[in-house]
């Protein structure tokens, strides 16, 4: 009798595990960049989403042949973009929507899901000058994982520029899964590029160790 009871408990545990392992959009989507709270040691409590760099991120300085273009909702992808810039000296361009996404987490997931389902192309508030764009040889493109893929504003950015002759390097931040799918989507959106280097996806906690970004940049030959 005891043996049958053990088997029954194992079966119930398996059913419970399968039920809990279903994709939870609030766990993985804009939650990748959910504004930090004191209860979350991986995020900063005072994350306003604004760049730490006092310079305007919407206007690349034009001093480098490398550009880091990124979309960030709560600041996590921004942190990764800034680490890339710190190691490469690249110019920085923040992809900002004309209509900001809601600051409320749940509302943001709803807007993001609607954009994905409608194959939307959210307008971007600023552009990169054509002459400046022509000078860039390598373009890093980064974003959080939203609804298993890139936010739709990344589609807008990718379709706004000619990537012929460019080297594209994707990067993303994520909570638990769909990292590889998101990196692959960025490469797909920029299929006109001459070269695609291996991308990198990191969680918020992984960003605390800056050697992760540095080692990746060295592995793909961007830095020595």
N, C-alpha and C. Protein backbone atom coordinates (compact mmCIF):
# COMPACT_ATOMS: atom_id res chain seq x y z
N UNK A 1 0.83 -1.20 0.00
CA UNK A 1 0.00 0.00 0.00
C UNK A 1 0.88 1.26 0.00
N UNK A 2 1.94 1.18 0.81
CA UNK A 2 2.84 2.34 0.89
C UNK A 2 3.48 2.62 -0.46
N UNK A 3 3.81 1.53 -1.21
CA UNK A 3 4.44 1.69 -2.52
C UNK A 3 3.50 2.43 -3.48
N UNK A 4 2.22 2.07 -3.48
CA UNK A 4 1.25 2.71 -4.37
C UNK A 4 1.08 4.19 -3.99
N UNK A 5 1.15 4.49 -2.70
CA UNK A 5 1.01 5.87 -2.27
C UNK A 5 2.18 6.72 -2.79
N UNK A 6 3.38 6.13 -2.76
CA UNK A 6 4.55 6.85 -3.27
C UNK A 6 4.41 7.12 -4.76
N UNK A 7 3.94 6.10 -5.52
CA UNK A 7 3.75 6.29 -6.95
C UNK A 7 2.72 7.39 -7.23
N UNK A 8 1.65 7.42 -6.42
CA UNK A 8 0.61 8.43 -6.60
C UNK A 8 1.17 9.82 -6.37
N UNK A 9 1.98 9.98 -5.33
CA UNK A 9 2.56 11.28 -5.04
C UNK A 9 3.51 11.72 -6.15
N UNK A 10 4.25 10.77 -6.73
CA UNK A 10 5.16 11.11 -7.83
C UNK A 10 4.38 11.57 -9.05
N UNK A 11 3.27 10.91 -9.32
CA UNK A 11 2.45 11.30 -10.48
C UNK A 11 1.87 12.68 -10.28
N UNK A 12 1.40 12.99 -9.07
CA UNK A 12 0.84 14.31 -8.79
C UNK A 12 1.91 15.39 -8.93
N UNK A 13 3.12 15.08 -8.48
CA UNK A 13 4.22 16.05 -8.58
C UNK A 13 4.54 16.35 -10.04
N UNK A 14 4.51 15.30 -10.88
CA UNK A 14 4.81 15.50 -12.31
C UNK A 14 3.77 16.39 -12.96
N UNK A 15 2.49 16.18 -12.62
CA UNK A 15 1.42 17.01 -13.19
C UNK A 15 1.58 18.45 -12.76
N UNK A 16 1.90 18.66 -11.47
CA UNK A 16 2.09 20.02 -10.97
C UNK A 16 3.25 20.72 -11.66
N UNK A 17 4.36 20.00 -11.88
CA UNK A 17 5.53 20.58 -12.55
C UNK A 17 5.19 21.02 -13.95
N UNK A 18 4.48 20.16 -14.70
CA UNK A 18 4.13 20.49 -16.08
C UNK A 18 3.24 21.71 -16.13
N UNK A 19 2.33 21.83 -15.17
CA UNK A 19 1.41 22.97 -15.17
C UNK A 19 2.17 24.26 -14.90
N UNK A 20 3.16 24.20 -14.00
CA UNK A 20 3.89 25.41 -13.64
C UNK A 20 4.95 25.78 -14.66
N UNK A 21 5.31 24.87 -15.55
CA UNK A 21 6.37 25.16 -16.51
C UNK A 21 5.87 25.82 -17.78
N UNK A 22 4.57 26.04 -17.89
CA UNK A 22 4.04 26.74 -19.05
C UNK A 22 4.62 28.14 -19.10
N UNK A 23 4.78 28.67 -20.30
CA UNK A 23 5.35 30.01 -20.46
C UNK A 23 4.47 31.04 -19.76
N UNK A 24 5.09 31.86 -18.96
CA UNK A 24 4.41 32.94 -18.26
C UNK A 24 4.90 34.25 -18.84
N UNK A 25 4.10 34.93 -19.64
CA UNK A 25 4.58 36.14 -20.30
C UNK A 25 5.03 37.20 -19.31
N UNK A 26 4.44 37.23 -18.12
CA UNK A 26 4.84 38.23 -17.15
C UNK A 26 6.18 37.89 -16.50
N UNK A 27 6.63 36.69 -16.70
CA UNK A 27 7.94 36.31 -16.17
C UNK A 27 9.04 36.65 -17.15
N UNK A 28 8.76 36.51 -18.45
CA UNK A 28 9.83 36.56 -19.42
C UNK A 28 9.82 37.77 -20.32
N UNK A 29 8.70 38.43 -20.45
CA UNK A 29 8.63 39.47 -21.46
C UNK A 29 9.13 40.82 -20.93
N UNK A 30 8.33 41.89 -20.88
CA UNK A 30 8.92 43.12 -20.35
C UNK A 30 9.50 42.94 -18.96
N UNK A 31 9.16 41.83 -18.27
CA UNK A 31 9.74 41.55 -16.97
C UNK A 31 11.25 41.43 -17.01
N UNK A 32 11.80 41.16 -18.20
CA UNK A 32 13.25 41.16 -18.34
C UNK A 32 13.82 42.49 -17.89
N UNK A 33 13.07 43.55 -18.12
CA UNK A 33 13.53 44.87 -17.73
C UNK A 33 12.56 45.53 -16.76
N UNK A 34 11.92 44.74 -15.93
CA UNK A 34 11.01 45.31 -14.95
C UNK A 34 11.77 46.25 -14.04
N UNK A 35 11.28 47.47 -13.81
CA UNK A 35 12.01 48.39 -12.94
C UNK A 35 12.34 47.74 -11.61
N UNK A 36 13.55 47.96 -11.16
CA UNK A 36 14.03 47.28 -9.96
C UNK A 36 13.30 47.69 -8.70
N UNK A 37 13.29 46.80 -7.74
CA UNK A 37 12.73 47.08 -6.43
C UNK A 37 13.76 46.63 -5.40
N UNK A 38 13.64 47.13 -4.15
CA UNK A 38 14.60 46.72 -3.12
C UNK A 38 14.60 45.22 -2.89
N UNK A 39 13.53 44.52 -3.29
CA UNK A 39 13.45 43.08 -3.08
C UNK A 39 14.18 42.29 -4.14
N UNK A 40 14.61 42.96 -5.20
CA UNK A 40 15.27 42.27 -6.30
C UNK A 40 16.74 42.66 -6.32
N UNK A 41 17.64 41.80 -5.86
CA UNK A 41 19.05 42.17 -5.78
C UNK A 41 19.72 42.31 -7.12
N UNK A 42 19.08 41.83 -8.20
CA UNK A 42 19.69 41.89 -9.53
C UNK A 42 19.42 43.21 -10.24
N UNK A 43 18.50 44.01 -9.70
CA UNK A 43 18.16 45.27 -10.33
C UNK A 43 18.40 46.41 -9.34
N UNK A 44 18.58 47.60 -9.86
CA UNK A 44 18.79 48.74 -8.98
C UNK A 44 17.47 49.34 -8.59
N UNK A 45 17.26 49.68 -7.30
CA UNK A 45 15.97 50.21 -6.86
C UNK A 45 15.60 51.51 -7.54
N UNK A 46 16.59 52.27 -7.98
CA UNK A 46 16.30 53.60 -8.53
C UNK A 46 16.49 53.62 -10.02
N UNK A 47 16.02 52.57 -10.71
CA UNK A 47 16.21 52.47 -12.16
C UNK A 47 15.14 53.26 -12.88
N UNK A 48 15.47 54.44 -13.32
CA UNK A 48 14.50 55.28 -14.02
C UNK A 48 14.43 54.98 -15.49
N UNK A 49 15.38 54.16 -16.01
CA UNK A 49 15.41 53.87 -17.43
C UNK A 49 16.19 54.90 -18.21
N UNK A 50 16.67 55.96 -17.54
CA UNK A 50 17.44 56.98 -18.22
C UNK A 50 18.91 56.58 -18.26
N UNK A 51 19.63 56.93 -19.31
CA UNK A 51 21.03 56.56 -19.42
C UNK A 51 21.87 57.19 -18.31
N UNK A 52 22.90 56.47 -17.89
CA UNK A 52 23.83 57.02 -16.92
C UNK A 52 24.74 58.04 -17.60
N UNK A 53 24.98 57.85 -18.91
CA UNK A 53 25.82 58.77 -19.66
C UNK A 53 25.10 60.11 -19.79
N UNK A 54 25.71 61.21 -19.35
CA UNK A 54 25.04 62.51 -19.42
C UNK A 54 24.87 63.00 -20.84
N UNK A 55 25.60 62.43 -21.80
CA UNK A 55 25.45 62.85 -23.18
C UNK A 55 24.15 62.31 -23.75
N UNK A 56 23.64 62.97 -24.76
CA UNK A 56 22.39 62.54 -25.37
C UNK A 56 22.60 61.25 -26.15
N UNK A 57 21.97 60.13 -25.73
CA UNK A 57 22.22 58.86 -26.41
C UNK A 57 21.57 58.77 -27.77
N UNK A 58 20.68 59.74 -28.08
CA UNK A 58 20.01 59.71 -29.38
C UNK A 58 20.87 60.30 -30.48
N UNK A 59 22.01 60.86 -30.12
CA UNK A 59 22.87 61.51 -31.10
C UNK A 59 24.27 60.92 -31.04
N UNK A 60 24.58 59.93 -31.88
CA UNK A 60 25.93 59.35 -31.88
C UNK A 60 26.99 60.42 -32.10
N UNK A 61 28.11 60.25 -31.43
CA UNK A 61 29.16 61.27 -31.51
C UNK A 61 29.86 61.28 -32.85
N UNK A 62 29.83 60.15 -33.56
CA UNK A 62 30.48 60.09 -34.86
C UNK A 62 31.98 59.91 -34.78
N UNK A 63 32.48 59.54 -33.60
CA UNK A 63 33.92 59.40 -33.42
C UNK A 63 34.40 57.96 -33.60
N UNK A 64 33.51 57.04 -33.89
CA UNK A 64 33.87 55.63 -33.97
C UNK A 64 33.26 55.02 -35.23
N UNK A 65 33.83 53.89 -35.67
CA UNK A 65 33.23 53.16 -36.78
C UNK A 65 32.34 52.02 -36.28
N UNK A 66 32.10 52.02 -34.96
CA UNK A 66 31.22 51.03 -34.34
C UNK A 66 30.03 51.76 -33.71
N UNK A 67 28.86 51.23 -33.92
CA UNK A 67 27.65 51.81 -33.33
C UNK A 67 26.94 50.76 -32.48
N UNK A 68 26.51 51.16 -31.29
CA UNK A 68 25.68 50.32 -30.44
C UNK A 68 24.30 50.93 -30.39
N UNK A 69 23.34 50.28 -31.05
CA UNK A 69 21.95 50.75 -31.07
C UNK A 69 21.14 49.81 -30.19
N UNK A 70 20.36 50.38 -29.29
CA UNK A 70 19.64 49.53 -28.34
C UNK A 70 18.28 50.12 -27.99
N UNK A 71 17.36 49.24 -27.67
CA UNK A 71 16.08 49.63 -27.06
C UNK A 71 16.06 49.08 -25.66
N UNK A 72 15.69 49.92 -24.69
CA UNK A 72 15.64 49.49 -23.30
C UNK A 72 14.39 50.07 -22.64
N UNK A 73 13.68 49.21 -21.92
CA UNK A 73 12.47 49.67 -21.23
C UNK A 73 12.75 50.05 -19.78
N UNK A 74 13.34 49.15 -19.03
CA UNK A 74 13.58 49.42 -17.62
C UNK A 74 15.04 49.66 -17.28
N UNK A 75 15.94 49.53 -18.25
CA UNK A 75 17.33 49.85 -18.00
C UNK A 75 18.31 48.71 -18.10
N UNK A 76 17.85 47.45 -18.18
CA UNK A 76 18.78 46.33 -18.19
C UNK A 76 19.56 46.26 -19.49
N UNK A 77 18.87 46.37 -20.62
CA UNK A 77 19.57 46.36 -21.90
C UNK A 77 20.47 47.58 -22.03
N UNK A 78 20.03 48.68 -21.48
CA UNK A 78 20.87 49.88 -21.47
C UNK A 78 22.19 49.62 -20.77
N UNK A 79 22.15 48.92 -19.65
CA UNK A 79 23.38 48.59 -18.93
C UNK A 79 24.32 47.78 -19.80
N UNK A 80 23.77 46.81 -20.52
CA UNK A 80 24.60 45.98 -21.38
C UNK A 80 25.18 46.81 -22.52
N UNK A 81 24.38 47.69 -23.10
CA UNK A 81 24.86 48.55 -24.18
C UNK A 81 26.00 49.43 -23.70
N UNK A 82 25.88 49.97 -22.50
CA UNK A 82 26.91 50.85 -21.97
C UNK A 82 28.20 50.09 -21.68
N UNK A 83 28.07 48.82 -21.28
CA UNK A 83 29.27 48.01 -21.07
C UNK A 83 30.00 47.76 -22.39
N UNK A 84 29.22 47.52 -23.45
CA UNK A 84 29.83 47.33 -24.77
C UNK A 84 30.59 48.59 -25.19
N UNK A 85 29.95 49.74 -24.99
CA UNK A 85 30.58 51.01 -25.33
C UNK A 85 31.85 51.23 -24.52
N UNK A 86 31.81 50.88 -23.24
CA UNK A 86 32.97 51.08 -22.37
C UNK A 86 34.18 50.30 -22.86
N UNK A 87 33.95 49.14 -23.46
CA UNK A 87 35.06 48.31 -23.91
C UNK A 87 35.48 48.59 -25.36
N UNK A 88 34.61 49.20 -26.12
CA UNK A 88 34.90 49.39 -27.55
C UNK A 88 35.07 50.83 -27.97
N UNK A 89 34.59 51.77 -27.16
CA UNK A 89 34.62 53.17 -27.57
C UNK A 89 33.61 53.48 -28.65
N UNK A 90 32.61 52.62 -28.80
CA UNK A 90 31.59 52.79 -29.85
C UNK A 90 30.69 53.98 -29.57
N UNK A 91 30.05 54.47 -30.62
CA UNK A 91 28.98 55.45 -30.47
C UNK A 91 27.73 54.74 -29.96
N UNK A 92 26.86 55.49 -29.30
CA UNK A 92 25.67 54.93 -28.68
C UNK A 92 24.42 55.58 -29.24
N UNK A 93 23.44 54.76 -29.59
CA UNK A 93 22.17 55.27 -30.10
C UNK A 93 21.04 54.55 -29.39
N UNK A 94 20.23 55.31 -28.69
CA UNK A 94 19.09 54.72 -27.99
C UNK A 94 17.85 54.77 -28.88
N UNK A 95 17.26 53.61 -29.11
CA UNK A 95 16.06 53.50 -29.94
C UNK A 95 14.85 53.83 -29.07
N UNK A 96 14.31 55.03 -29.25
CA UNK A 96 13.21 55.52 -28.42
C UNK A 96 11.93 55.58 -29.23
N UNK A 97 10.82 55.03 -28.73
CA UNK A 97 9.56 55.13 -29.46
C UNK A 97 8.97 56.53 -29.37
N UNK A 98 8.28 56.94 -30.41
CA UNK A 98 7.57 58.23 -30.38
C UNK A 98 6.54 58.21 -29.27
N UNK A 99 5.82 57.11 -29.16
CA UNK A 99 4.86 56.93 -28.07
C UNK A 99 5.48 56.01 -27.03
N UNK A 100 5.84 56.53 -25.88
CA UNK A 100 6.53 55.71 -24.88
C UNK A 100 5.68 54.52 -24.43
N UNK A 101 6.34 53.43 -24.11
CA UNK A 101 5.63 52.29 -23.56
C UNK A 101 5.18 52.60 -22.14
N UNK A 102 4.08 52.02 -21.69
CA UNK A 102 3.61 52.28 -20.33
C UNK A 102 4.67 51.91 -19.30
N UNK A 103 4.74 52.69 -18.24
CA UNK A 103 5.67 52.39 -17.16
C UNK A 103 5.17 51.21 -16.33
N UNK A 104 3.85 51.02 -16.29
CA UNK A 104 3.29 49.90 -15.55
C UNK A 104 3.63 48.60 -16.26
N UNK A 105 4.11 47.64 -15.49
CA UNK A 105 4.58 46.37 -16.06
C UNK A 105 3.50 45.64 -16.83
N UNK A 106 2.34 45.44 -16.21
CA UNK A 106 1.27 44.68 -16.86
C UNK A 106 0.77 45.40 -18.11
N UNK A 107 0.62 46.70 -18.03
CA UNK A 107 0.16 47.47 -19.19
C UNK A 107 1.18 47.36 -20.32
N UNK A 108 2.45 47.36 -19.97
CA UNK A 108 3.48 47.25 -21.00
C UNK A 108 3.42 45.90 -21.70
N UNK A 109 3.19 44.83 -20.95
CA UNK A 109 3.08 43.51 -21.57
C UNK A 109 1.92 43.47 -22.55
N UNK A 110 0.83 44.14 -22.20
CA UNK A 110 -0.36 44.14 -23.07
C UNK A 110 -0.09 44.88 -24.36
N UNK A 111 0.58 46.04 -24.26
CA UNK A 111 0.92 46.80 -25.46
C UNK A 111 1.89 46.01 -26.33
N UNK A 112 2.89 45.40 -25.69
CA UNK A 112 3.89 44.63 -26.43
C UNK A 112 3.25 43.45 -27.15
N UNK A 113 2.32 42.79 -26.49
CA UNK A 113 1.65 41.64 -27.11
C UNK A 113 0.80 42.09 -28.29
N UNK A 114 0.10 43.20 -28.13
CA UNK A 114 -0.73 43.71 -29.22
C UNK A 114 0.13 44.09 -30.42
N UNK A 115 1.26 44.72 -30.19
CA UNK A 115 2.15 45.08 -31.29
C UNK A 115 2.66 43.84 -32.01
N UNK A 116 3.02 42.83 -31.24
CA UNK A 116 3.51 41.59 -31.86
C UNK A 116 2.41 40.93 -32.70
N UNK A 117 1.22 40.84 -32.14
CA UNK A 117 0.12 40.17 -32.85
C UNK A 117 -0.29 40.91 -34.11
N UNK A 118 -0.11 42.22 -34.12
CA UNK A 118 -0.48 43.04 -35.28
C UNK A 118 0.70 43.32 -36.21
N UNK A 119 1.85 42.72 -35.91
CA UNK A 119 3.06 42.96 -36.71
C UNK A 119 3.31 44.45 -36.87
N UNK A 120 3.19 45.18 -35.75
CA UNK A 120 3.28 46.63 -35.77
C UNK A 120 4.71 47.10 -35.99
N UNK A 121 4.83 48.35 -36.40
CA UNK A 121 6.12 49.00 -36.56
C UNK A 121 6.07 50.34 -35.82
N UNK A 122 6.32 50.32 -34.51
CA UNK A 122 6.27 51.57 -33.74
C UNK A 122 7.28 52.59 -34.26
N UNK A 123 6.84 53.82 -34.35
CA UNK A 123 7.71 54.88 -34.86
C UNK A 123 8.82 55.20 -33.86
N UNK A 124 10.00 55.52 -34.38
CA UNK A 124 11.16 55.87 -33.56
C UNK A 124 11.31 57.39 -33.56
N UNK A 125 11.64 57.94 -32.40
CA UNK A 125 11.61 59.40 -32.24
C UNK A 125 12.77 60.12 -32.91
N UNK A 126 13.87 59.42 -33.21
CA UNK A 126 15.00 60.08 -33.86
C UNK A 126 15.67 59.12 -34.83
N UNK A 127 16.47 59.66 -35.71
CA UNK A 127 17.13 58.84 -36.73
C UNK A 127 18.63 59.13 -36.75
N UNK A 128 19.35 58.25 -37.40
CA UNK A 128 20.79 58.42 -37.57
C UNK A 128 21.03 59.04 -38.95
N UNK A 129 21.82 60.07 -38.98
CA UNK A 129 22.12 60.76 -40.23
C UNK A 129 22.74 59.79 -41.23
N UNK A 130 22.36 59.92 -42.49
CA UNK A 130 22.83 58.99 -43.53
C UNK A 130 24.35 58.99 -43.65
N UNK A 131 24.95 60.17 -43.58
CA UNK A 131 26.40 60.24 -43.70
C UNK A 131 27.08 59.56 -42.51
N UNK A 132 26.52 59.76 -41.33
CA UNK A 132 27.07 59.11 -40.14
C UNK A 132 26.91 57.59 -40.24
N UNK A 133 25.74 57.14 -40.70
CA UNK A 133 25.48 55.71 -40.84
C UNK A 133 26.50 55.07 -41.79
N UNK A 134 26.82 55.76 -42.84
CA UNK A 134 27.75 55.22 -43.83
C UNK A 134 29.14 54.97 -43.25
N UNK A 135 29.49 55.68 -42.20
CA UNK A 135 30.81 55.55 -41.60
C UNK A 135 30.93 54.34 -40.67
N UNK A 136 29.79 53.78 -40.27
CA UNK A 136 29.84 52.66 -39.33
C UNK A 136 30.07 51.34 -40.07
N UNK A 137 31.07 50.60 -39.63
CA UNK A 137 31.35 49.28 -40.20
C UNK A 137 30.65 48.18 -39.41
N UNK A 138 30.54 48.37 -38.10
CA UNK A 138 29.99 47.35 -37.20
C UNK A 138 28.83 47.94 -36.41
N UNK A 139 27.71 47.24 -36.43
CA UNK A 139 26.51 47.70 -35.74
C UNK A 139 26.09 46.65 -34.71
N UNK A 140 26.12 47.01 -33.45
CA UNK A 140 25.53 46.18 -32.40
C UNK A 140 24.06 46.58 -32.26
N UNK A 141 23.17 45.59 -32.20
CA UNK A 141 21.75 45.87 -32.01
C UNK A 141 21.25 45.05 -30.83
N UNK A 142 20.67 45.74 -29.84
CA UNK A 142 20.27 45.04 -28.63
C UNK A 142 18.88 45.42 -28.14
N UNK A 143 18.29 44.49 -27.38
CA UNK A 143 16.93 44.69 -26.86
C UNK A 143 16.65 43.65 -25.78
N UNK A 144 15.57 43.84 -25.03
CA UNK A 144 15.11 42.78 -24.13
C UNK A 144 14.29 41.75 -24.90
N UNK A 145 14.10 40.59 -24.31
CA UNK A 145 13.20 39.58 -24.88
C UNK A 145 11.78 39.94 -24.46
N UNK A 146 10.92 40.20 -25.44
CA UNK A 146 9.51 40.48 -25.18
C UNK A 146 8.67 39.48 -25.95
N UNK A 147 7.83 38.78 -25.24
CA UNK A 147 6.93 37.82 -25.90
C UNK A 147 7.69 36.88 -26.84
N UNK A 148 8.77 36.32 -26.30
CA UNK A 148 9.54 35.27 -26.98
C UNK A 148 10.40 35.79 -28.12
N UNK A 149 10.49 37.09 -28.32
CA UNK A 149 11.21 37.61 -29.48
C UNK A 149 11.64 39.05 -29.22
N UNK A 150 12.03 39.76 -30.26
CA UNK A 150 12.39 41.17 -30.13
C UNK A 150 11.14 42.03 -30.00
N UNK A 151 11.22 43.15 -29.28
CA UNK A 151 10.15 44.14 -29.36
C UNK A 151 10.00 44.59 -30.80
N UNK A 152 8.79 44.93 -31.20
CA UNK A 152 8.54 45.27 -32.60
C UNK A 152 9.26 46.52 -33.05
N UNK A 153 9.67 47.36 -32.12
CA UNK A 153 10.40 48.57 -32.51
C UNK A 153 11.77 48.23 -33.09
N UNK A 154 12.29 47.04 -32.80
CA UNK A 154 13.54 46.60 -33.41
C UNK A 154 13.32 46.33 -34.90
N UNK A 155 12.14 45.86 -35.24
CA UNK A 155 11.81 45.70 -36.67
C UNK A 155 11.81 47.05 -37.36
N UNK A 156 11.25 48.05 -36.70
CA UNK A 156 11.24 49.40 -37.27
C UNK A 156 12.67 49.87 -37.54
N UNK A 157 13.53 49.71 -36.56
CA UNK A 157 14.92 50.16 -36.71
C UNK A 157 15.61 49.41 -37.84
N UNK A 158 15.48 48.10 -37.86
CA UNK A 158 16.18 47.29 -38.86
C UNK A 158 15.73 47.62 -40.28
N UNK A 159 14.47 47.95 -40.44
CA UNK A 159 13.94 48.25 -41.76
C UNK A 159 14.20 49.69 -42.19
N UNK A 160 14.78 50.48 -41.29
CA UNK A 160 15.00 51.90 -41.59
C UNK A 160 16.38 52.19 -42.18
N UNK A 161 17.27 51.18 -42.17
CA UNK A 161 18.64 51.42 -42.61
C UNK A 161 19.13 50.32 -43.53
N UNK A 162 20.11 50.67 -44.34
CA UNK A 162 20.72 49.72 -45.27
C UNK A 162 21.92 49.07 -44.59
N UNK A 163 21.89 47.76 -44.43
CA UNK A 163 22.97 47.06 -43.74
C UNK A 163 23.98 46.43 -44.69
N UNK A 164 23.85 46.73 -45.98
CA UNK A 164 24.81 46.17 -46.94
C UNK A 164 26.23 46.59 -46.57
N UNK A 165 27.13 45.60 -46.55
CA UNK A 165 28.52 45.87 -46.23
C UNK A 165 28.81 46.01 -44.74
N UNK A 166 27.78 45.93 -43.90
CA UNK A 166 27.98 46.09 -42.46
C UNK A 166 28.19 44.74 -41.77
N UNK A 167 28.80 44.79 -40.60
CA UNK A 167 28.87 43.65 -39.70
C UNK A 167 27.87 43.90 -38.58
N UNK A 168 26.98 42.96 -38.35
CA UNK A 168 25.95 43.12 -37.32
C UNK A 168 26.22 42.16 -36.17
N UNK A 169 26.09 42.68 -34.96
CA UNK A 169 26.29 41.87 -33.75
C UNK A 169 25.05 42.02 -32.86
N UNK A 170 24.25 40.97 -32.71
CA UNK A 170 23.06 41.07 -31.87
C UNK A 170 23.38 40.85 -30.39
N UNK A 171 22.61 41.49 -29.53
CA UNK A 171 22.69 41.19 -28.10
C UNK A 171 21.31 41.41 -27.48
N UNK A 172 21.07 40.76 -26.35
CA UNK A 172 19.77 40.89 -25.71
C UNK A 172 19.89 40.61 -24.22
N UNK A 173 18.86 41.00 -23.48
CA UNK A 173 18.75 40.65 -22.07
C UNK A 173 17.45 39.89 -21.89
N UNK A 174 17.45 38.96 -20.95
CA UNK A 174 16.29 38.08 -20.80
C UNK A 174 16.17 37.61 -19.36
N UNK A 175 14.98 37.09 -19.02
CA UNK A 175 14.74 36.60 -17.66
C UNK A 175 15.07 35.13 -17.52
N UNK A 176 14.62 34.31 -18.49
CA UNK A 176 14.89 32.88 -18.35
C UNK A 176 15.05 32.15 -19.68
N UNK A 177 14.30 32.51 -20.71
CA UNK A 177 14.38 31.77 -21.96
C UNK A 177 14.21 32.70 -23.16
N UNK A 178 14.26 32.08 -24.37
CA UNK A 178 14.08 32.75 -25.66
C UNK A 178 15.22 33.71 -26.00
N UNK A 179 16.37 33.49 -25.37
CA UNK A 179 17.55 34.27 -25.72
C UNK A 179 17.98 34.00 -27.16
N UNK A 180 18.16 32.71 -27.49
CA UNK A 180 18.66 32.35 -28.81
C UNK A 180 17.70 32.76 -29.91
N UNK A 181 16.40 32.61 -29.64
CA UNK A 181 15.40 33.01 -30.64
C UNK A 181 15.46 34.51 -30.93
N UNK A 182 15.69 35.29 -29.87
CA UNK A 182 15.74 36.74 -30.04
C UNK A 182 17.00 37.17 -30.79
N UNK A 183 18.12 36.56 -30.47
CA UNK A 183 19.36 36.87 -31.19
C UNK A 183 19.22 36.50 -32.67
N UNK A 184 18.59 35.35 -32.92
CA UNK A 184 18.38 34.91 -34.31
C UNK A 184 17.45 35.86 -35.05
N UNK A 185 16.47 36.39 -34.35
CA UNK A 185 15.52 37.32 -34.99
C UNK A 185 16.22 38.61 -35.42
N UNK A 186 17.11 39.11 -34.59
CA UNK A 186 17.86 40.32 -34.96
C UNK A 186 18.69 40.05 -36.21
N UNK A 187 19.33 38.88 -36.26
CA UNK A 187 20.11 38.53 -37.45
C UNK A 187 19.21 38.42 -38.68
N UNK A 188 18.04 37.85 -38.49
CA UNK A 188 17.09 37.70 -39.61
C UNK A 188 16.64 39.06 -40.13
N UNK A 189 16.38 39.98 -39.21
CA UNK A 189 15.91 41.31 -39.60
C UNK A 189 16.99 42.10 -40.35
N UNK A 190 18.26 41.73 -40.14
CA UNK A 190 19.36 42.43 -40.79
C UNK A 190 20.08 41.50 -41.76
N UNK A 191 19.31 40.70 -42.46
CA UNK A 191 19.87 39.69 -43.36
C UNK A 191 20.70 40.30 -44.49
N UNK A 192 20.52 41.59 -44.75
CA UNK A 192 21.30 42.24 -45.80
C UNK A 192 22.72 42.58 -45.39
N UNK A 193 23.07 42.35 -44.12
CA UNK A 193 24.42 42.64 -43.65
C UNK A 193 25.42 41.68 -44.29
N UNK A 194 26.65 42.13 -44.39
CA UNK A 194 27.69 41.29 -44.99
C UNK A 194 28.11 40.18 -44.05
N UNK A 195 28.19 40.50 -42.74
CA UNK A 195 28.64 39.53 -41.74
C UNK A 195 27.75 39.63 -40.50
N UNK A 196 27.45 38.48 -39.90
CA UNK A 196 26.78 38.44 -38.61
C UNK A 196 27.70 37.70 -37.63
N UNK A 197 28.10 38.38 -36.56
CA UNK A 197 28.93 37.76 -35.54
C UNK A 197 28.04 37.14 -34.46
N UNK A 198 28.60 36.20 -33.71
CA UNK A 198 27.84 35.54 -32.65
C UNK A 198 27.38 36.55 -31.62
N UNK A 199 26.09 36.51 -31.31
CA UNK A 199 25.53 37.43 -30.34
C UNK A 199 25.65 36.93 -28.92
N UNK A 200 25.18 37.75 -27.99
CA UNK A 200 25.22 37.40 -26.57
C UNK A 200 23.94 37.83 -25.91
N UNK A 201 23.39 36.95 -25.09
CA UNK A 201 22.24 37.28 -24.25
C UNK A 201 22.61 37.09 -22.80
N UNK A 202 22.25 38.06 -21.96
CA UNK A 202 22.58 37.98 -20.54
C UNK A 202 21.36 38.31 -19.69
N UNK A 203 21.31 37.72 -18.52
CA UNK A 203 20.30 38.10 -17.53
C UNK A 203 20.80 39.33 -16.78
N UNK A 204 19.91 39.94 -16.02
CA UNK A 204 20.30 41.10 -15.24
C UNK A 204 21.42 40.75 -14.27
N UNK A 205 21.32 39.59 -13.63
CA UNK A 205 22.36 39.18 -12.70
C UNK A 205 23.70 38.98 -13.36
N UNK A 206 23.70 38.41 -14.57
CA UNK A 206 24.95 38.16 -15.30
C UNK A 206 25.65 39.45 -15.66
N UNK A 207 24.90 40.54 -15.80
CA UNK A 207 25.51 41.81 -16.16
C UNK A 207 26.35 42.38 -15.03
N UNK A 208 26.13 41.89 -13.82
CA UNK A 208 26.92 42.38 -12.69
C UNK A 208 28.39 42.01 -12.85
N UNK A 209 28.65 40.97 -13.62
CA UNK A 209 30.03 40.58 -13.91
C UNK A 209 30.40 41.09 -15.30
N UNK A 210 31.06 42.23 -15.36
CA UNK A 210 31.34 42.86 -16.64
C UNK A 210 32.29 42.05 -17.51
N UNK A 211 32.98 41.08 -16.92
CA UNK A 211 33.88 40.25 -17.73
C UNK A 211 33.10 39.41 -18.73
N UNK A 212 31.81 39.18 -18.48
CA UNK A 212 31.00 38.42 -19.45
C UNK A 212 30.95 39.14 -20.79
N UNK A 213 30.71 40.44 -20.76
CA UNK A 213 30.68 41.23 -21.99
C UNK A 213 32.09 41.35 -22.58
N UNK A 214 33.05 41.62 -21.73
CA UNK A 214 34.43 41.78 -22.21
C UNK A 214 34.93 40.50 -22.89
N UNK A 215 34.69 39.36 -22.27
CA UNK A 215 35.16 38.09 -22.85
C UNK A 215 34.48 37.81 -24.18
N UNK A 216 33.20 38.12 -24.27
CA UNK A 216 32.46 37.92 -25.52
C UNK A 216 33.03 38.79 -26.63
N UNK A 217 33.29 40.06 -26.33
CA UNK A 217 33.84 40.97 -27.33
C UNK A 217 35.20 40.49 -27.82
N UNK A 218 35.96 39.90 -26.92
CA UNK A 218 37.27 39.37 -27.30
C UNK A 218 37.12 38.12 -28.16
N UNK A 219 36.17 37.26 -27.80
CA UNK A 219 35.95 36.02 -28.55
C UNK A 219 35.53 36.28 -29.99
N UNK A 220 34.73 37.33 -30.22
CA UNK A 220 34.25 37.59 -31.58
C UNK A 220 35.17 38.54 -32.33
N UNK A 221 36.30 38.92 -31.71
CA UNK A 221 37.31 39.69 -32.41
C UNK A 221 37.10 41.19 -32.47
N UNK A 222 36.19 41.71 -31.63
CA UNK A 222 35.96 43.15 -31.63
C UNK A 222 37.05 43.88 -30.86
N UNK A 223 37.52 43.27 -29.78
CA UNK A 223 38.63 43.83 -29.03
C UNK A 223 39.73 42.77 -28.89
N UNK A 224 40.91 43.19 -28.57
CA UNK A 224 42.04 42.25 -28.42
C UNK A 224 42.20 41.83 -26.96
